[in-house]
């Protein structure tokens, strides 16, 4: 079993040394379920994209803003948020690591 906090620290260090300010690691890929650890440095964004069939975002470190047409949500460490069924994006308000869980049809 993976240690989420160790992965968060590892990928945040990779993101900090990356020109793009991000790093990702897929933990689980068993159709239709996927889980990915994503690290973003402060100010780094994942541009707006389509939502999968179902998804949630759990913040492991830092603070992020989930952006969507229906409204933005600011999330800090320990928060779990369903991702809306609409185009959305993600912005790191400070260095942050999230666990993205998706179900794809």
C-alpha atoms as a PDB file:
ATOM      1  CA  UNK A   1       0.000   0.000   0.000  1.00  0.00           C
ATOM      2  CA  UNK A   2       1.269   3.467  -0.865  1.00  0.00           C
ATOM      3  CA  UNK A   3       1.976   6.052   1.842  1.00  0.00           C
ATOM      4  CA  UNK A   4       0.016   9.103   0.624  1.00  0.00           C
ATOM      5  CA  UNK A   5       1.917  11.563   2.793  1.00  0.00           C
ATOM      6  CA  UNK A   6       5.308  10.275   1.599  1.00  0.00           C
ATOM      7  CA  UNK A   7       4.089  10.483  -2.025  1.00  0.00           C
ATOM      8  CA  UNK A   8       2.778  13.997  -1.384  1.00  0.00           C
ATOM      9  CA  UNK A   9       6.166  15.128  -0.065  1.00  0.00           C
ATOM     10  CA  UNK A  10       8.045  13.401  -2.901  1.00  0.00           C
ATOM     11  CA  UNK A  11       5.913  14.878  -5.672  1.00  0.00           C
ATOM     12  CA  UNK A  12       5.821  18.331  -4.134  1.00  0.00           C
ATOM     13  CA  UNK A  13       9.635  18.311  -4.221  1.00  0.00           C
ATOM     14  CA  UNK A  14       9.516  17.222  -7.882  1.00  0.00           C
ATOM     15  CA  UNK A  15       6.970  19.958  -8.685  1.00  0.00           C
ATOM     16  CA  UNK A  16       9.159  22.579  -6.998  1.00  0.00           C
ATOM     17  CA  UNK A  17      12.078  21.650  -9.252  1.00  0.00           C
ATOM     18  CA  UNK A  18       9.939  21.357 -12.408  1.00  0.00           C
ATOM     19  CA  UNK A  19       9.717  24.191 -14.923  1.00  0.00           C
ATOM     20  CA  UNK A  20       5.944  23.572 -15.089  1.00  0.00           C
ATOM     21  CA  UNK A  21       5.463  23.574 -11.300  1.00  0.00           C
ATOM     22  CA  UNK A  22       3.655  20.255 -11.160  1.00  0.00           C
ATOM     23  CA  UNK A  23       4.110  16.518 -10.755  1.00  0.00           C
ATOM     24  CA  UNK A  24       1.671  13.597 -10.885  1.00  0.00           C
ATOM     25  CA  UNK A  25       1.696   9.920  -9.979  1.00  0.00           C
ATOM     26  CA  UNK A  26      -1.076   7.458 -10.810  1.00  0.00           C
ATOM     27  CA  UNK A  27      -1.689   5.234  -7.801  1.00  0.00           C
ATOM     28  CA  UNK A  28      -4.480   3.104  -9.155  1.00  0.00           C
ATOM     29  CA  UNK A  29      -5.719   2.322 -12.645  1.00  0.00           C
ATOM     30  CA  UNK A  30      -8.294  -0.410 -12.456  1.00  0.00           C
ATOM     31  CA  UNK A  31     -11.070   0.408 -14.900  1.00  0.00           C
ATOM     32  CA  UNK A  32     -13.229   2.270 -14.296  1.00  0.00           C
ATOM     33  CA  UNK A  33     -11.501   3.615 -11.130  1.00  0.00           C
ATOM     34  CA  UNK A  34      -8.386   5.794 -11.179  1.00  0.00           C
ATOM     35  CA  UNK A  35      -6.532   7.597  -8.399  1.00  0.00           C
ATOM     36  CA  UNK A  36      -3.761  10.110  -8.989  1.00  0.00           C
ATOM     37  CA  UNK A  37      -1.612  12.207  -6.661  1.00  0.00           C
ATOM     38  CA  UNK A  38      -1.066  15.666  -8.178  1.00  0.00           C
ATOM     39  CA  UNK A  39       1.385  18.208  -6.745  1.00  0.00           C
ATOM     40  CA  UNK A  40       1.240  21.879  -7.777  1.00  0.00           C
ATOM     41  CA  UNK A  41       3.380  24.811  -6.711  1.00  0.00           C
ATOM     42  CA  UNK A  42       1.699  28.059  -5.649  1.00  0.00           C
ATOM     43  CA  UNK A  43       0.136  29.811  -8.648  1.00  0.00           C
ATOM     44  CA  UNK A  44       0.235  26.723 -10.876  1.00  0.00           C
ATOM     45  CA  UNK A  45      -3.048  25.789 -12.538  1.00  0.00           C
ATOM     46  CA  UNK A  46      -4.577  22.859 -14.335  1.00  0.00           C
ATOM     47  CA  UNK A  47      -6.490  24.498 -17.151  1.00  0.00           C
ATOM     48  CA  UNK A  48     -10.215  24.026 -17.561  1.00  0.00           C
ATOM     49  CA  UNK A  49     -11.137  20.542 -18.768  1.00  0.00           C
ATOM     50  CA  UNK A  50     -14.152  18.216 -18.986  1.00  0.00           C
ATOM     51  CA  UNK A  51     -15.301  16.224 -15.968  1.00  0.00           C
ATOM     52  CA  UNK A  52     -15.244  12.420 -15.933  1.00  0.00           C
ATOM     53  CA  UNK A  53     -18.387  10.430 -15.107  1.00  0.00           C
ATOM     54  CA  UNK A  54     -17.696  10.871 -11.377  1.00  0.00           C
ATOM     55  CA  UNK A  55     -14.779  12.381  -9.477  1.00  0.00           C
ATOM     56  CA  UNK A  56     -13.621  13.731  -6.133  1.00  0.00           C
ATOM     57  CA  UNK A  57     -10.678  15.776  -4.970  1.00  0.00           C
ATOM     58  CA  UNK A  58      -9.039  15.321  -1.561  1.00  0.00           C
ATOM     59  CA  UNK A  59      -6.483  17.911  -0.489  1.00  0.00           C
ATOM     60  CA  UNK A  60      -3.462  16.332   1.208  1.00  0.00           C
ATOM     61  CA  UNK A  61      -1.282  19.465   1.527  1.00  0.00           C
ATOM     62  CA  UNK A  62      -1.790  23.194   1.001  1.00  0.00           C
ATOM     63  CA  UNK A  63      -4.766  25.076  -0.422  1.00  0.00           C
ATOM     64  CA  UNK A  64      -6.358  24.928  -3.881  1.00  0.00           C
ATOM     65  CA  UNK A  65      -9.256  26.569  -5.703  1.00  0.00           C
ATOM     66  CA  UNK A  66     -11.537  24.319  -7.762  1.00  0.00           C
ATOM     67  CA  UNK A  67     -12.983  26.549 -10.486  1.00  0.00           C
ATOM     68  CA  UNK A  68     -16.213  25.856 -12.371  1.00  0.00           C
ATOM     69  CA  UNK A  69     -19.061  27.744 -14.024  1.00  0.00           C
ATOM     70  CA  UNK A  70     -21.318  26.909 -11.090  1.00  0.00           C
ATOM     71  CA  UNK A  71     -18.891  28.608  -8.690  1.00  0.00           C
ATOM     72  CA  UNK A  72     -15.412  28.324  -7.246  1.00  0.00           C
ATOM     73  CA  UNK A  73     -14.574  26.400  -4.081  1.00  0.00           C
ATOM     74  CA  UNK A  74     -11.473  26.962  -1.951  1.00  0.00           C
ATOM     75  CA  UNK A  75     -10.208  23.786  -0.279  1.00  0.00           C
ATOM     76  CA  UNK A  76      -7.545  23.309   2.385  1.00  0.00           C
ATOM     77  CA  UNK A  77      -5.727  20.218   3.639  1.00  0.00           C
ATOM     78  CA  UNK A  78      -8.073  17.499   4.799  1.00  0.00           C
ATOM     79  CA  UNK A  79     -11.011  18.623   2.640  1.00  0.00           C
ATOM     80  CA  UNK A  80     -12.797  16.250   0.272  1.00  0.00           C
ATOM     81  CA  UNK A  81     -14.901  17.715  -2.545  1.00  0.00           C
ATOM     82  CA  UNK A  82     -16.937  16.126  -5.324  1.00  0.00           C
ATOM     83  CA  UNK A  83     -15.979  17.542  -8.710  1.00  0.00           C
ATOM     84  CA  UNK A  84     -18.935  19.089 -10.558  1.00  0.00           C
ATOM     85  CA  UNK A  85     -20.211  17.502 -13.759  1.00  0.00           C
ATOM     86  CA  UNK A  86     -19.039  20.451 -15.857  1.00  0.00           C
ATOM     87  CA  UNK A  87     -15.838  21.934 -17.213  1.00  0.00           C
ATOM     88  CA  UNK A  88     -13.567  22.843 -14.336  1.00  0.00           C
ATOM     89  CA  UNK A  89      -9.990  23.761 -13.441  1.00  0.00           C
ATOM     90  CA  UNK A  90      -7.701  23.755 -10.438  1.00  0.00           C
ATOM     91  CA  UNK A  91      -5.422  26.493  -9.078  1.00  0.00           C
ATOM     92  CA  UNK A  92      -2.875  26.039  -6.282  1.00  0.00           C
ATOM     93  CA  UNK A  93      -3.187  29.004  -3.917  1.00  0.00           C
ATOM     94  CA  UNK A  94      -0.082  27.721  -2.116  1.00  0.00           C
ATOM     95  CA  UNK A  95       2.113  24.682  -2.715  1.00  0.00           C
ATOM     96  CA  UNK A  96      -0.415  21.856  -2.660  1.00  0.00           C
ATOM     97  CA  UNK A  97      -0.948  18.139  -3.212  1.00  0.00           C
ATOM     98  CA  UNK A  98      -4.308  16.551  -4.017  1.00  0.00           C
ATOM     99  CA  UNK A  99      -5.621  13.040  -4.494  1.00  0.00           C
ATOM    100  CA  UNK A 100      -7.856  12.907  -7.561  1.00  0.00           C
ATOM    101  CA  UNK A 101     -10.243   9.952  -7.714  1.00  0.00           C
ATOM    102  CA  UNK A 102     -12.172   9.399 -10.943  1.00  0.00           C
ATOM    103  CA  UNK A 103     -14.611   6.901 -12.366  1.00  0.00           C
ATOM    104  CA  UNK A 104     -14.598   6.782 -16.155  1.00  0.00           C
ATOM    105  CA  UNK A 105     -17.309   5.152 -18.198  1.00  0.00           C
END
